Amino acid sequence: MSVLEKALSAASLRHKVISNNIANVNTPKFKKSEVSFENQLELAMSSEKAPIARTHERHLPVKSTGINDVEPTINTITTTSFRNDDNNVDIDSEMAGLAKNSIYYNAVADRINKYFSNLKSVINGGK
């Protein structure tokens, strides 16, 4: 559930970043931003090992570096420029990214909804 919550939060942040890019499509020297989340999540999931349990209060605590520590990050792309005014926003690419992100957001929200529907069904005894 926490992974789904983080994915939904990342999709919301991505929507804001893409909207900001679109709003600044005609701003001279504006550099677009991107949200990085899925690659970090995939890396954390592939390297995830069994969690270390602290079974006694005198054991040393171990910091978790798993999936729960993955957070979306905003990266500004400064290496490209499409126009003479140094703006690097491609409106077609941003609109496609916005559509893709909307589908992703709806899919994650639907999955969360199904999770809670299953919980409700269990609580009601399968009725």
C-alpha atoms as a PDB file:
ATOM      1  CA  MET A   1       0.000   0.000   0.000  1.00  0.00           C
ATOM      2  CA  SER A   2       2.820   2.415   0.784  1.00  0.00           C
ATOM      3  CA  VAL A   3       4.279   1.863  -2.692  1.00  0.00           C
ATOM      4  CA  LEU A   4       0.924   2.736  -4.257  1.00  0.00           C
ATOM      5  CA  GLU A   5       0.683   5.866  -2.115  1.00  0.00           C
ATOM      6  CA  LYS A   6       4.156   6.949  -3.203  1.00  0.00           C
ATOM      7  CA  ALA A   7       3.328   6.217  -6.849  1.00  0.00           C
ATOM      8  CA  LEU A   8       0.176   8.331  -6.597  1.00  0.00           C
ATOM      9  CA  SER A   9       2.141  11.144  -4.975  1.00  0.00           C
ATOM     10  CA  ALA A  10       4.806  10.936  -7.687  1.00  0.00           C
ATOM     11  CA  ALA A  11       2.153  11.077 -10.421  1.00  0.00           C
ATOM     12  CA  SER A  12       0.600  14.143  -8.784  1.00  0.00           C
ATOM     13  CA  LEU A  13       3.991  15.850  -8.577  1.00  0.00           C
ATOM     14  CA  ARG A  14       4.722  14.919 -12.209  1.00  0.00           C
ATOM     15  CA  HIS A  15       1.415  16.510 -13.256  1.00  0.00           C
ATOM     16  CA  LYS A  16       2.403  19.769 -11.524  1.00  0.00           C
ATOM     17  CA  VAL A  17       5.872  19.742 -13.120  1.00  0.00           C
ATOM     18  CA  ILE A  18       4.509  19.053 -16.619  1.00  0.00           C
ATOM     19  CA  SER A  19       1.866  21.767 -16.168  1.00  0.00           C
ATOM     20  CA  ASN A  20       4.609  24.204 -15.165  1.00  0.00           C
ATOM     21  CA  ASN A  21       6.612  23.239 -18.257  1.00  0.00           C
ATOM     22  CA  ILE A  22       3.583  23.811 -20.490  1.00  0.00           C
ATOM     23  CA  ALA A  23       2.824  27.153 -18.819  1.00  0.00           C
ATOM     24  CA  ASN A  24       6.377  28.309 -19.548  1.00  0.00           C
ATOM     25  CA  VAL A  25       6.589  27.091 -23.140  1.00  0.00           C
ATOM     26  CA  ASN A  26       7.079  30.688 -24.371  1.00  0.00           C
ATOM     27  CA  THR A  27       9.277  31.936 -21.517  1.00  0.00           C
ATOM     28  CA  PRO A  28      12.780  32.771 -22.775  1.00  0.00           C
ATOM     29  CA  LYS A  29      15.618  30.799 -21.120  1.00  0.00           C
ATOM     30  CA  PHE A  30      13.183  28.538 -19.248  1.00  0.00           C
ATOM     31  CA  LYS A  31      14.502  25.010 -18.697  1.00  0.00           C
ATOM     32  CA  LYS A  32      12.030  22.165 -18.342  1.00  0.00           C
ATOM     33  CA  SER A  33      11.920  19.809 -15.372  1.00  0.00           C
ATOM     34  CA  GLU A  34      11.179  16.108 -15.063  1.00  0.00           C
ATOM     35  CA  VAL A  35      10.170  13.879 -12.151  1.00  0.00           C
ATOM     36  CA  SER A  36      12.214  10.760 -11.481  1.00  0.00           C
ATOM     37  CA  PHE A  37      10.483   8.016  -9.512  1.00  0.00           C
ATOM     38  CA  GLU A  38       9.866   4.778 -11.394  1.00  0.00           C
ATOM     39  CA  ASN A  39      13.564   4.098 -12.062  1.00  0.00           C
ATOM     40  CA  GLN A  40      14.392   4.603  -8.385  1.00  0.00           C
ATOM     41  CA  LEU A  41      11.509   2.326  -7.374  1.00  0.00           C
ATOM     42  CA  GLU A  42      12.621  -0.383  -9.807  1.00  0.00           C
ATOM     43  CA  LEU A  43      16.160  -0.192  -8.467  1.00  0.00           C
ATOM     44  CA  ALA A  44      14.941  -0.436  -4.862  1.00  0.00           C
ATOM     45  CA  MET A  45      12.698  -3.384  -5.682  1.00  0.00           C
ATOM     46  CA  SER A  46      15.453  -5.274  -7.483  1.00  0.00           C
ATOM     47  CA  SER A  47      17.905  -4.815  -4.624  1.00  0.00           C
ATOM     48  CA  GLU A  48      15.374  -5.332  -1.821  1.00  0.00           C
ATOM     49  CA  LYS A  49      16.417  -8.050   0.577  1.00  0.00           C
ATOM     50  CA  ALA A  50      14.649  -9.535   3.540  1.00  0.00           C
ATOM     51  CA  PRO A  51      14.202  -6.851   6.192  1.00  0.00           C
ATOM     52  CA  ILE A  52      16.407  -7.052   9.250  1.00  0.00           C
ATOM     53  CA  ALA A  53      14.301  -7.492  12.345  1.00  0.00           C
ATOM     54  CA  ARG A  54      15.390  -5.991  15.643  1.00  0.00           C
ATOM     55  CA  THR A  55      14.407  -8.732  18.075  1.00  0.00           C
ATOM     56  CA  HIS A  56      15.932  -7.293  21.233  1.00  0.00           C
ATOM     57  CA  GLU A  57      16.084  -3.715  22.510  1.00  0.00           C
ATOM     58  CA  ARG A  58      19.863  -3.968  22.953  1.00  0.00           C
ATOM     59  CA  HIS A  59      20.403  -4.788  19.279  1.00  0.00           C
ATOM     60  CA  LEU A  60      21.752  -1.972  17.162  1.00  0.00           C
ATOM     61  CA  PRO A  61      19.106  -0.314  14.967  1.00  0.00           C
ATOM     62  CA  VAL A  62      19.530  -0.735  11.219  1.00  0.00           C
ATOM     63  CA  LYS A  63      18.406   2.031   8.886  1.00  0.00           C
ATOM     64  CA  SER A  64      16.039   0.817   6.201  1.00  0.00           C
ATOM     65  CA  THR A  65      17.100   1.502   2.605  1.00  0.00           C
ATOM     66  CA  GLY A  66      14.238  -0.243   0.889  1.00  0.00           C
ATOM     67  CA  ILE A  67      11.163   0.702  -1.072  1.00  0.00           C
ATOM     68  CA  ASN A  68       9.765   2.926   1.690  1.00  0.00           C
ATOM     69  CA  ASP A  69      12.745   5.264   1.297  1.00  0.00           C
ATOM     70  CA  VAL A  70      12.124   5.956  -2.403  1.00  0.00           C
ATOM     71  CA  GLU A  71      10.934   9.504  -3.019  1.00  0.00           C
ATOM     72  CA  PRO A  72      10.190  11.299  -6.300  1.00  0.00           C
ATOM     73  CA  THR A  73      12.783  13.884  -7.291  1.00  0.00           C
ATOM     74  CA  ILE A  74      12.561  16.843  -9.663  1.00  0.00           C
ATOM     75  CA  ASN A  75      15.414  17.213 -12.148  1.00  0.00           C
ATOM     76  CA  THR A  76      15.892  20.325 -14.278  1.00  0.00           C
ATOM     77  CA  ILE A  77      17.101  19.550 -17.799  1.00  0.00           C
ATOM     78  CA  THR A  78      19.688  22.169 -18.699  1.00  0.00           C
ATOM     79  CA  THR A  79      21.636  20.355 -21.420  1.00  0.00           C
ATOM     80  CA  THR A  80      19.213  20.879 -24.312  1.00  0.00           C
ATOM     81  CA  SER A  81      17.789  23.884 -26.112  1.00  0.00           C
ATOM     82  CA  PHE A  82      15.244  23.665 -28.942  1.00  0.00           C
ATOM     83  CA  ARG A  83      14.896  27.323 -29.809  1.00  0.00           C
ATOM     84  CA  ASN A  84      16.972  30.478 -30.191  1.00  0.00           C
ATOM     85  CA  ASP A  85      15.697  31.854 -26.857  1.00  0.00           C
ATOM     86  CA  ASP A  86      17.276  28.874 -24.959  1.00  0.00           C
ATOM     87  CA  ASN A  87      13.897  27.440 -23.957  1.00  0.00           C
ATOM     88  CA  ASN A  88      13.934  23.625 -24.100  1.00  0.00           C
ATOM     89  CA  VAL A  89      10.224  22.838 -23.699  1.00  0.00           C
ATOM     90  CA  ASP A  90       8.759  20.737 -26.521  1.00  0.00           C
ATOM     91  CA  ILE A  91       4.987  21.248 -26.266  1.00  0.00           C
ATOM     92  CA  ASP A  92       4.160  18.019 -28.126  1.00  0.00           C
ATOM     93  CA  SER A  93       6.353  15.962 -25.831  1.00  0.00           C
ATOM     94  CA  GLU A  94       4.899  17.635 -22.734  1.00  0.00           C
ATOM     95  CA  MET A  95       1.302  17.052 -23.872  1.00  0.00           C
ATOM     96  CA  ALA A  96       2.080  13.382 -24.555  1.00  0.00           C
ATOM     97  CA  GLY A  97       3.715  13.124 -21.130  1.00  0.00           C
ATOM     98  CA  LEU A  98       0.660  14.708 -19.526  1.00  0.00           C
ATOM     99  CA  ALA A  99      -1.655  12.183 -21.209  1.00  0.00           C
ATOM    100  CA  LYS A 100       0.597   9.275 -20.192  1.00  0.00           C
ATOM    101  CA  ASN A 101       0.771  10.543 -16.618  1.00  0.00           C
ATOM    102  CA  SER A 102      -3.026  10.884 -16.439  1.00  0.00           C
ATOM    103  CA  ILE A 103      -3.423   7.245 -17.470  1.00  0.00           C
ATOM    104  CA  TYR A 104      -0.784   6.204 -14.922  1.00  0.00           C
ATOM    105  CA  TYR A 105      -2.458   8.234 -12.141  1.00  0.00           C
ATOM    106  CA  ASN A 106      -5.865   6.725 -12.905  1.00  0.00           C
ATOM    107  CA  ALA A 107      -4.421   3.197 -12.956  1.00  0.00           C
ATOM    108  CA  VAL A 108      -2.732   3.652  -9.572  1.00  0.00           C
ATOM    109  CA  ALA A 109      -5.857   5.244  -8.084  1.00  0.00           C
ATOM    110  CA  ASP A 110      -7.915   2.333  -9.426  1.00  0.00           C
ATOM    111  CA  ARG A 111      -5.518  -0.162  -7.837  1.00  0.00           C
ATOM    112  CA  ILE A 112      -5.787   1.628  -4.473  1.00  0.00           C
ATOM    113  CA  ASN A 113      -9.572   1.580  -4.802  1.00  0.00           C
ATOM    114  CA  LYS A 114      -9.518  -2.180  -5.448  1.00  0.00           C
ATOM    115  CA  TYR A 115      -7.253  -2.687  -2.427  1.00  0.00           C
ATOM    116  CA  PHE A 116      -9.729  -0.928  -0.145  1.00  0.00           C
ATOM    117  CA  SER A 117     -12.666  -2.734  -1.764  1.00  0.00           C
ATOM    118  CA  ASN A 118     -10.979  -6.037  -0.943  1.00  0.00           C
ATOM    119  CA  LEU A 119     -10.434  -4.913   2.653  1.00  0.00           C
ATOM    120  CA  LYS A 120     -14.074  -3.908   2.915  1.00  0.00           C
ATOM    121  CA  SER A 121     -15.133  -7.289   1.552  1.00  0.00           C
ATOM    122  CA  VAL A 122     -12.978  -9.087   4.127  1.00  0.00           C
ATOM    123  CA  ILE A 123     -14.353  -6.963   6.953  1.00  0.00           C
ATOM    124  CA  ASN A 124     -17.928  -7.680   5.820  1.00  0.00           C
ATOM    125  CA  GLY A 125     -17.228 -11.414   5.677  1.00  0.00           C
ATOM    126  CA  GLY A 126     -17.104 -11.671   1.885  1.00  0.00           C
ATOM    127  CA  LYS A 127     -20.549 -10.121   1.351  1.00  0.00           C
END
